[in-house]
Amino acid sequence: MLTSFFLIIGGTFGFLAACIAFLITFQEYRKHKFEGWRLWREALTVATFTFVFFFGLSLLIGYMLK
């Protein structure tokens, strides 16, 4: 029960954090004249890393509290 709760929390907040990280990175890299596929690739890389970090952190906290 507690593990599924942390899976839901990690997925939800990981997704929100990834969206915000994508938008921030996309805007900043566009200011620095990145264009095309490189702009999208860099922003998606940061978003993916952010999601994995927050999801993994949630799982780790769930494991430690169990």
Protein backbone atom coordinates (compact mmCIF):
# COMPACT_ATOMS: atom_id res chain seq x y z
CA MET A 1 0.00 0.00 0.00
CA LEU A 2 2.69 2.48 0.98
CA THR A 3 4.79 1.61 -2.07
CA SER A 4 1.93 2.22 -4.49
CA PHE A 5 1.30 5.58 -2.81
CA PHE A 6 4.90 6.62 -3.44
CA LEU A 7 4.69 5.36 -7.03
CA ILE A 8 1.70 7.63 -7.63
CA ILE A 9 3.34 10.59 -5.87
CA GLY A 10 6.62 10.05 -7.71
CA GLY A 11 4.92 9.73 -11.08
CA THR A 12 2.76 12.79 -10.57
CA PHE A 13 5.35 15.16 -9.20
CA GLY A 14 8.07 13.72 -11.44
CA PHE A 15 5.91 14.49 -14.46
CA LEU A 16 5.17 18.03 -13.27
CA ALA A 17 8.84 18.67 -12.52
CA ALA A 18 9.82 17.30 -15.94
CA CYS A 19 7.32 19.61 -17.68
CA ILE A 20 8.63 22.67 -15.86
CA ALA A 21 12.26 21.66 -16.49
CA PHE A 22 11.47 21.19 -20.19
CA LEU A 23 9.86 24.63 -20.49
CA ILE A 24 12.66 26.41 -18.63
CA THR A 25 15.39 24.66 -20.62
CA PHE A 26 13.59 25.20 -23.92
CA GLN A 27 13.21 28.95 -23.30
CA GLU A 28 16.79 29.44 -22.10
CA TYR A 29 18.34 27.47 -24.94
CA ARG A 30 16.21 29.34 -27.47
CA LYS A 31 17.62 32.61 -26.06
CA HIS A 32 21.11 31.25 -26.73
CA LYS A 33 20.27 30.63 -30.40
CA PHE A 34 19.84 26.86 -30.33
CA GLU A 35 17.55 25.76 -33.15
CA GLY A 36 15.84 22.72 -34.57
CA TRP A 37 16.47 19.23 -33.33
CA ARG A 38 19.29 20.22 -30.96
CA LEU A 39 16.97 22.55 -29.04
CA TRP A 40 14.36 19.81 -28.61
CA ARG A 41 16.92 17.12 -27.80
CA GLU A 42 18.58 19.16 -25.06
CA ALA A 43 15.25 20.13 -23.47
CA LEU A 44 13.95 16.55 -23.60
CA THR A 45 17.18 15.25 -22.08
CA VAL A 46 16.83 17.60 -19.12
CA ALA A 47 13.15 16.71 -18.73
CA THR A 48 13.91 12.98 -18.78
CA PHE A 49 16.69 13.33 -16.22
CA THR A 50 14.42 15.40 -13.97
CA PHE A 51 11.61 12.82 -14.15
CA VAL A 52 13.96 9.94 -13.38
CA PHE A 53 15.50 11.86 -10.47
CA PHE A 54 12.20 12.74 -8.78
CA PHE A 55 10.64 9.33 -9.46
CA GLY A 56 13.71 7.57 -8.08
CA LEU A 57 13.82 9.86 -5.07
CA SER A 58 10.18 9.06 -4.31
CA LEU A 59 10.87 5.32 -4.55
CA LEU A 60 13.89 5.66 -2.29
CA ILE A 61 11.89 7.55 0.34
CA GLY A 62 9.11 4.95 0.11
CA TYR A 63 11.62 2.16 0.59
CA MET A 64 13.25 3.90 3.57
CA LEU A 65 9.91 4.54 5.30
CA LYS A 66 8.78 0.96 4.80
